[in-house]
Amino acid sequence: MTNILLHGCNGRMGRTIAELAANKENCRIICGVDVAPREDAGFPVYTSLEEIPADKKPDVIIDFSHFSTLPKLSEYAQKNNIPAVI
C-alpha cells in the first residue's frame, strides 16, 4: 500500500487525484495540504506542511499546488526523505 500526501488537494487536479486514489486498492491518500481546509475530503486536510503529525509520514508526495509553495515543499520532502511528484 502506497501512502500519499496530496499537496494542493482542494484544487481541480487535487480533487481528481483524490477521486482516482479512492478507487485503487494499492494506494491511499493519508492526508492533504491546501490553503483552504476541507471537511469532506475523506482524509485530513492541513493548511501547512508543519501541521502534519509525525505519524502521518507518506511514502510519496503528489503536488498540484501553486508554484510559490515549492520551496517549502522541497524542504519538507528532503528533510523527511520523501520522493515527490511535482
N, C-alpha and C. Protein backbone atom coordinates (compact mmCIF):
# COMPACT_ATOMS: atom_id res chain seq x y z
N MET A 1 0.85 -1.17 0.00
CA MET A 1 0.00 0.00 0.00
C MET A 1 0.90 1.24 0.00
N THR A 2 0.67 2.12 -0.96
CA THR A 2 1.41 3.36 -1.05
C THR A 2 0.62 4.47 -0.38
N ASN A 3 1.22 5.09 0.63
CA ASN A 3 0.58 6.19 1.35
C ASN A 3 0.99 7.52 0.72
N ILE A 4 -0.01 8.33 0.37
CA ILE A 4 0.21 9.55 -0.39
C ILE A 4 -0.15 10.78 0.43
N LEU A 5 0.71 11.79 0.36
CA LEU A 5 0.38 13.13 0.82
C LEU A 5 0.04 13.92 -0.44
N LEU A 6 -1.18 14.46 -0.51
CA LEU A 6 -1.63 15.19 -1.68
C LEU A 6 -1.55 16.68 -1.39
N HIS A 7 -0.57 17.33 -1.98
CA HIS A 7 -0.31 18.75 -1.76
C HIS A 7 -1.06 19.54 -2.82
N GLY A 8 -1.96 20.43 -2.39
CA GLY A 8 -2.85 21.10 -3.33
C GLY A 8 -4.10 20.27 -3.56
N CYS A 9 -4.58 19.64 -2.50
CA CYS A 9 -5.64 18.65 -2.62
C CYS A 9 -7.02 19.22 -2.96
N ASN A 10 -7.25 20.49 -2.74
CA ASN A 10 -8.59 21.04 -2.96
C ASN A 10 -8.78 21.68 -4.33
N GLY A 11 -7.74 21.74 -5.11
CA GLY A 11 -7.87 22.27 -6.46
C GLY A 11 -8.49 21.23 -7.38
N ARG A 12 -8.72 21.63 -8.62
CA ARG A 12 -9.37 20.73 -9.59
C ARG A 12 -8.58 19.44 -9.78
N MET A 13 -7.27 19.54 -10.01
CA MET A 13 -6.45 18.34 -10.21
C MET A 13 -6.30 17.55 -8.91
N GLY A 14 -6.17 18.24 -7.79
CA GLY A 14 -6.07 17.56 -6.50
C GLY A 14 -7.31 16.71 -6.21
N ARG A 15 -8.49 17.27 -6.47
CA ARG A 15 -9.74 16.52 -6.27
C ARG A 15 -9.82 15.32 -7.22
N THR A 16 -9.32 15.50 -8.44
CA THR A 16 -9.31 14.39 -9.40
C THR A 16 -8.40 13.27 -8.93
N ILE A 17 -7.21 13.62 -8.46
CA ILE A 17 -6.27 12.61 -7.95
C ILE A 17 -6.88 11.90 -6.74
N ALA A 18 -7.52 12.64 -5.86
CA ALA A 18 -8.15 12.04 -4.67
C ALA A 18 -9.23 11.04 -5.08
N GLU A 19 -10.01 11.40 -6.08
CA GLU A 19 -11.07 10.51 -6.57
C GLU A 19 -10.48 9.24 -7.19
N LEU A 20 -9.43 9.39 -7.98
CA LEU A 20 -8.78 8.23 -8.59
C LEU A 20 -8.16 7.31 -7.54
N ALA A 21 -7.51 7.90 -6.54
CA ALA A 21 -6.86 7.10 -5.49
C ALA A 21 -7.90 6.36 -4.65
N ALA A 22 -9.06 6.95 -4.46
CA ALA A 22 -10.11 6.30 -3.66
C ALA A 22 -10.60 5.01 -4.31
N ASN A 23 -10.42 4.91 -5.62
CA ASN A 23 -10.87 3.73 -6.34
C ASN A 23 -9.76 2.69 -6.56
N LYS A 24 -8.61 2.91 -5.96
CA LYS A 24 -7.49 1.98 -6.10
C LYS A 24 -7.29 1.20 -4.81
N GLU A 25 -6.85 -0.03 -4.94
CA GLU A 25 -6.59 -0.86 -3.76
C GLU A 25 -5.15 -0.77 -3.29
N ASN A 26 -4.25 -0.29 -4.15
CA ASN A 26 -2.82 -0.31 -3.81
C ASN A 26 -2.28 1.05 -3.38
N CYS A 27 -3.15 2.06 -3.22
CA CYS A 27 -2.69 3.35 -2.71
C CYS A 27 -3.83 4.03 -1.96
N ARG A 28 -3.44 4.96 -1.11
CA ARG A 28 -4.43 5.74 -0.37
C ARG A 28 -3.83 7.09 0.00
N ILE A 29 -4.67 8.07 0.07
CA ILE A 29 -4.23 9.39 0.49
C ILE A 29 -4.40 9.45 2.00
N ILE A 30 -3.29 9.64 2.70
CA ILE A 30 -3.36 9.67 4.16
C ILE A 30 -3.59 11.08 4.69
N CYS A 31 -3.26 12.10 3.89
CA CYS A 31 -3.53 13.47 4.27
C CYS A 31 -3.30 14.38 3.08
N GLY A 32 -3.83 15.58 3.19
CA GLY A 32 -3.67 16.57 2.16
C GLY A 32 -3.26 17.90 2.76
N VAL A 33 -2.74 18.77 1.91
CA VAL A 33 -2.38 20.12 2.32
C VAL A 33 -2.98 21.07 1.29
N ASP A 34 -3.65 22.11 1.78
CA ASP A 34 -4.21 23.13 0.92
C ASP A 34 -4.44 24.39 1.76
N VAL A 35 -4.44 25.55 1.12
CA VAL A 35 -4.65 26.80 1.86
C VAL A 35 -6.05 26.88 2.46
N ALA A 36 -7.00 26.19 1.85
CA ALA A 36 -8.37 26.18 2.35
C ALA A 36 -8.70 24.78 2.87
N PRO A 37 -8.91 24.63 4.18
CA PRO A 37 -9.24 23.30 4.71
C PRO A 37 -10.59 22.83 4.18
N ARG A 38 -10.75 21.52 4.16
CA ARG A 38 -11.98 20.92 3.64
C ARG A 38 -12.35 19.74 4.52
N GLU A 39 -13.57 19.74 4.97
CA GLU A 39 -14.05 18.70 5.89
C GLU A 39 -14.43 17.40 5.17
N ASP A 40 -14.88 17.48 3.93
CA ASP A 40 -15.43 16.32 3.25
C ASP A 40 -14.46 15.64 2.29
N ALA A 41 -13.17 15.81 2.50
CA ALA A 41 -12.17 15.26 1.58
C ALA A 41 -12.02 13.74 1.71
N GLY A 42 -12.36 13.20 2.85
CA GLY A 42 -12.17 11.76 3.07
C GLY A 42 -10.84 11.44 3.70
N PHE A 43 -10.06 12.47 3.98
CA PHE A 43 -8.76 12.36 4.65
C PHE A 43 -8.49 13.69 5.33
N PRO A 44 -7.61 13.73 6.34
CA PRO A 44 -7.32 15.00 7.00
C PRO A 44 -6.67 15.99 6.02
N VAL A 45 -7.11 17.23 6.07
CA VAL A 45 -6.53 18.28 5.24
C VAL A 45 -5.95 19.35 6.17
N TYR A 46 -4.66 19.64 5.98
CA TYR A 46 -3.96 20.63 6.77
C TYR A 46 -3.69 21.86 5.91
N THR A 47 -3.53 23.01 6.56
CA THR A 47 -3.28 24.24 5.82
C THR A 47 -1.79 24.50 5.62
N SER A 48 -0.94 23.72 6.25
CA SER A 48 0.51 23.85 6.03
C SER A 48 1.19 22.51 6.30
N LEU A 49 2.36 22.34 5.75
CA LEU A 49 3.13 21.11 5.96
C LEU A 49 3.54 20.95 7.41
N GLU A 50 3.72 22.05 8.11
CA GLU A 50 4.14 22.00 9.51
C GLU A 50 3.07 21.38 10.41
N GLU A 51 1.83 21.39 9.99
CA GLU A 51 0.73 20.84 10.79
C GLU A 51 0.62 19.33 10.71
N ILE A 52 1.28 18.71 9.76
CA ILE A 52 1.15 17.27 9.57
C ILE A 52 1.79 16.53 10.74
N PRO A 53 1.06 15.66 11.42
CA PRO A 53 1.62 14.92 12.55
C PRO A 53 2.72 13.96 12.08
N ALA A 54 3.64 13.69 12.97
CA ALA A 54 4.77 12.80 12.65
C ALA A 54 4.31 11.41 12.25
N ASP A 55 3.16 10.96 12.77
CA ASP A 55 2.69 9.61 12.43
C ASP A 55 2.01 9.54 11.06
N LYS A 56 1.93 10.64 10.35
CA LYS A 56 1.34 10.69 9.01
C LYS A 56 2.42 10.76 7.94
N LYS A 57 3.50 10.02 8.11
CA LYS A 57 4.58 10.07 7.13
C LYS A 57 4.19 9.31 5.87
N PRO A 58 4.13 10.02 4.74
CA PRO A 58 3.74 9.37 3.48
C PRO A 58 4.91 8.66 2.81
N ASP A 59 4.59 7.80 1.87
CA ASP A 59 5.60 7.17 1.04
C ASP A 59 5.99 8.07 -0.13
N VAL A 60 5.04 8.93 -0.54
CA VAL A 60 5.28 9.82 -1.67
C VAL A 60 4.39 11.06 -1.53
N ILE A 61 4.86 12.16 -2.11
CA ILE A 61 4.08 13.39 -2.17
C ILE A 61 3.68 13.61 -3.63
N ILE A 62 2.40 13.87 -3.84
CA ILE A 62 1.92 14.28 -5.16
C ILE A 62 1.51 15.74 -5.03
N ASP A 63 2.08 16.59 -5.87
CA ASP A 63 1.88 18.03 -5.74
C ASP A 63 1.15 18.61 -6.95
N PHE A 64 0.03 19.27 -6.65
CA PHE A 64 -0.70 20.06 -7.65
C PHE A 64 -1.02 21.42 -7.05
N SER A 65 -0.07 21.97 -6.32
CA SER A 65 -0.28 23.26 -5.67
C SER A 65 0.30 24.39 -6.52
N HIS A 66 0.20 25.59 -6.01
CA HIS A 66 0.77 26.78 -6.66
C HIS A 66 2.29 26.71 -6.59
N PHE A 67 2.94 27.16 -7.65
CA PHE A 67 4.41 27.07 -7.71
C PHE A 67 5.10 27.81 -6.57
N SER A 68 4.45 28.76 -5.96
CA SER A 68 5.07 29.52 -4.87
C SER A 68 5.30 28.66 -3.62
N THR A 69 4.64 27.51 -3.52
CA THR A 69 4.82 26.64 -2.36
C THR A 69 5.99 25.67 -2.53
N LEU A 70 6.59 25.66 -3.70
CA LEU A 70 7.65 24.69 -4.00
C LEU A 70 8.84 24.74 -3.03
N PRO A 71 9.35 25.91 -2.63
CA PRO A 71 10.49 25.89 -1.70
C PRO A 71 10.20 25.16 -0.39
N LYS A 72 9.05 25.42 0.22
CA LYS A 72 8.71 24.74 1.48
C LYS A 72 8.45 23.25 1.26
N LEU A 73 7.79 22.94 0.15
CA LEU A 73 7.52 21.54 -0.16
C LEU A 73 8.82 20.77 -0.38
N SER A 74 9.72 21.35 -1.13
CA SER A 74 11.01 20.72 -1.40
C SER A 74 11.80 20.51 -0.10
N GLU A 75 11.78 21.49 0.76
CA GLU A 75 12.47 21.38 2.05
C GLU A 75 11.87 20.26 2.89
N TYR A 76 10.53 20.20 2.94
CA TYR A 76 9.84 19.15 3.69
C TYR A 76 10.19 17.77 3.14
N ALA A 77 10.15 17.63 1.82
CA ALA A 77 10.44 16.34 1.20
C ALA A 77 11.88 15.90 1.47
N GLN A 78 12.82 16.81 1.35
CA GLN A 78 14.23 16.48 1.60
C GLN A 78 14.47 16.14 3.06
N LYS A 79 13.92 16.94 3.95
CA LYS A 79 14.10 16.74 5.39
C LYS A 79 13.57 15.37 5.83
N ASN A 80 12.45 14.95 5.23
CA ASN A 80 11.81 13.70 5.62
C ASN A 80 12.11 12.54 4.67
N ASN A 81 12.98 12.78 3.69
CA ASN A 81 13.39 11.75 2.74
C ASN A 81 12.20 11.11 2.03
N ILE A 82 11.32 11.97 1.49
CA ILE A 82 10.11 11.52 0.80
C ILE A 82 10.20 11.94 -0.67
N PRO A 83 10.06 11.02 -1.60
CA PRO A 83 10.04 11.41 -3.01
C PRO A 83 8.78 12.23 -3.31
N ALA A 84 8.91 13.15 -4.27
CA ALA A 84 7.78 13.99 -4.64
C ALA A 84 7.59 14.00 -6.14
N VAL A 85 6.33 13.93 -6.55
CA VAL A 85 5.94 14.07 -7.95
C VAL A 85 5.35 15.47 -8.06
N ILE A 86 6.01 16.31 -8.83
CA ILE A 86 5.61 17.74 -8.90
C ILE A 86 5.20 18.08 -10.32
